[in-house]
Amino acid sequence: MLSALVAAMAPEHLRGTAFGVVGLITGLAALGASVLAGTLWDVIGPAARFAAGAGIAVLALVGFLFVGSRRKIAA
């Protein structure tokens, strides 16, 4: 789905660059998430890694609900 969004939004002459930037950002985010998860696992324990994942999921849910409620108001 992200590829379709990039293809639709990027100008044709910059499409390759857009895909490269998206790949770079995705890779860096995955690297950061892996380092954070590994650090939590090693320093605090396995439960901390899963608690952090649950906390991030809750924050994402709240963010989606907030954005969704704002879209209904604007529409």
C-alpha atoms as a PDB file:
ATOM      1  CA  MET A   1       0.000   0.000   0.000  1.00  0.00           C
ATOM      2  CA  LEU A   2       2.879   2.352   0.751  1.00  0.00           C
ATOM      3  CA  SER A   3       4.323   1.677  -2.702  1.00  0.00           C
ATOM      4  CA  ALA A   4       1.027   2.629  -4.320  1.00  0.00           C
ATOM      5  CA  LEU A   5       0.936   5.855  -2.307  1.00  0.00           C
ATOM      6  CA  VAL A   6       4.493   6.753  -3.314  1.00  0.00           C
ATOM      7  CA  ALA A   7       3.770   5.967  -6.957  1.00  0.00           C
ATOM      8  CA  ALA A   8       0.637   8.103  -6.902  1.00  0.00           C
ATOM      9  CA  MET A   9       2.129  11.080  -5.073  1.00  0.00           C
ATOM     10  CA  ALA A  10       5.628  11.367  -6.539  1.00  0.00           C
ATOM     11  CA  PRO A  11       6.189  13.201  -9.822  1.00  0.00           C
ATOM     12  CA  GLU A  12       7.187  10.799 -12.595  1.00  0.00           C
ATOM     13  CA  HIS A  13      10.719  12.160 -12.932  1.00  0.00           C
ATOM     14  CA  LEU A  14      11.336  11.784  -9.163  1.00  0.00           C
ATOM     15  CA  ARG A  15       9.578   8.460  -8.616  1.00  0.00           C
ATOM     16  CA  GLY A  16      12.808   6.454  -8.272  1.00  0.00           C
ATOM     17  CA  THR A  17      14.181   8.925  -5.752  1.00  0.00           C
ATOM     18  CA  ALA A  18      10.915   8.841  -3.800  1.00  0.00           C
ATOM     19  CA  PHE A  19      11.028   5.039  -3.581  1.00  0.00           C
ATOM     20  CA  GLY A  20      14.655   5.244  -2.461  1.00  0.00           C
ATOM     21  CA  VAL A  21      13.873   7.772   0.275  1.00  0.00           C
ATOM     22  CA  VAL A  22      10.922   5.704   1.496  1.00  0.00           C
ATOM     23  CA  GLY A  23      13.145   2.607   1.577  1.00  0.00           C
ATOM     24  CA  LEU A  24      15.832   4.494   3.501  1.00  0.00           C
ATOM     25  CA  ILE A  25      13.379   5.826   6.079  1.00  0.00           C
ATOM     26  CA  THR A  26      11.730   2.424   6.473  1.00  0.00           C
ATOM     27  CA  GLY A  27      15.104   0.748   6.933  1.00  0.00           C
ATOM     28  CA  LEU A  28      16.285   3.293   9.499  1.00  0.00           C
ATOM     29  CA  ALA A  29      13.028   2.966  11.433  1.00  0.00           C
ATOM     30  CA  ALA A  30      13.359  -0.832  11.454  1.00  0.00           C
ATOM     31  CA  LEU A  31      16.967  -0.554  12.631  1.00  0.00           C
ATOM     32  CA  GLY A  32      16.025   1.850  15.432  1.00  0.00           C
ATOM     33  CA  ALA A  33      13.119  -0.348  16.519  1.00  0.00           C
ATOM     34  CA  SER A  34      15.342  -3.429  16.589  1.00  0.00           C
ATOM     35  CA  VAL A  35      18.040  -1.693  18.618  1.00  0.00           C
ATOM     36  CA  LEU A  36      15.474  -0.361  21.093  1.00  0.00           C
ATOM     37  CA  ALA A  37      13.779  -3.751  21.423  1.00  0.00           C
ATOM     38  CA  GLY A  38      17.105  -5.521  21.927  1.00  0.00           C
ATOM     39  CA  THR A  39      18.239  -2.982  24.504  1.00  0.00           C
ATOM     40  CA  LEU A  40      15.004  -3.274  26.461  1.00  0.00           C
ATOM     41  CA  TRP A  41      15.230  -7.080  26.325  1.00  0.00           C
ATOM     42  CA  ASP A  42      18.870  -7.143  27.522  1.00  0.00           C
ATOM     43  CA  VAL A  43      18.736  -4.384  30.140  1.00  0.00           C
ATOM     44  CA  ILE A  44      15.289  -4.831  31.698  1.00  0.00           C
ATOM     45  CA  GLY A  45      13.989  -8.145  30.388  1.00  0.00           C
ATOM     46  CA  PRO A  46      11.586  -9.625  27.863  1.00  0.00           C
ATOM     47  CA  ALA A  47       8.498  -8.185  29.565  1.00  0.00           C
ATOM     48  CA  ALA A  48       9.774  -4.626  29.026  1.00  0.00           C
ATOM     49  CA  ARG A  49      10.011  -5.175  25.285  1.00  0.00           C
ATOM     50  CA  PHE A  50       6.419  -6.395  25.099  1.00  0.00           C
ATOM     51  CA  ALA A  51       5.176  -3.652  27.427  1.00  0.00           C
ATOM     52  CA  ALA A  52       6.855  -1.026  25.242  1.00  0.00           C
ATOM     53  CA  GLY A  53       5.239  -2.555  22.142  1.00  0.00           C
ATOM     54  CA  ALA A  54       1.834  -2.483  23.822  1.00  0.00           C
ATOM     55  CA  GLY A  55       2.350   1.134  24.889  1.00  0.00           C
ATOM     56  CA  ILE A  56       3.323   2.188  21.380  1.00  0.00           C
ATOM     57  CA  ALA A  57       0.278   0.362  19.975  1.00  0.00           C
ATOM     58  CA  VAL A  58      -2.007   2.190  22.413  1.00  0.00           C
ATOM     59  CA  LEU A  59      -0.470   5.544  21.448  1.00  0.00           C
ATOM     60  CA  ALA A  60      -0.999   4.722  17.759  1.00  0.00           C
ATOM     61  CA  LEU A  61      -4.629   3.792  18.432  1.00  0.00           C
ATOM     62  CA  VAL A  62      -5.243   7.057  20.290  1.00  0.00           C
ATOM     63  CA  GLY A  63      -3.624   8.961  17.428  1.00  0.00           C
ATOM     64  CA  PHE A  64      -5.806   7.242  14.833  1.00  0.00           C
ATOM     65  CA  LEU A  65      -8.928   7.894  16.869  1.00  0.00           C
ATOM     66  CA  PHE A  66      -7.965  11.558  17.237  1.00  0.00           C
ATOM     67  CA  VAL A  67      -7.302  11.985  13.522  1.00  0.00           C
ATOM     68  CA  GLY A  68     -10.514  10.137  12.658  1.00  0.00           C
ATOM     69  CA  SER A  69     -12.592  12.347  14.953  1.00  0.00           C
ATOM     70  CA  ARG A  70     -11.049  15.499  13.472  1.00  0.00           C
ATOM     71  CA  ARG A  71     -11.856  14.326   9.944  1.00  0.00           C
ATOM     72  CA  LYS A  72     -15.506  13.821  10.848  1.00  0.00           C
ATOM     73  CA  ILE A  73     -15.693  17.346  12.254  1.00  0.00           C
ATOM     74  CA  ALA A  74     -14.080  18.851   9.125  1.00  0.00           C
ATOM     75  CA  ALA A  75     -16.328  16.931   6.747  1.00  0.00           C
END
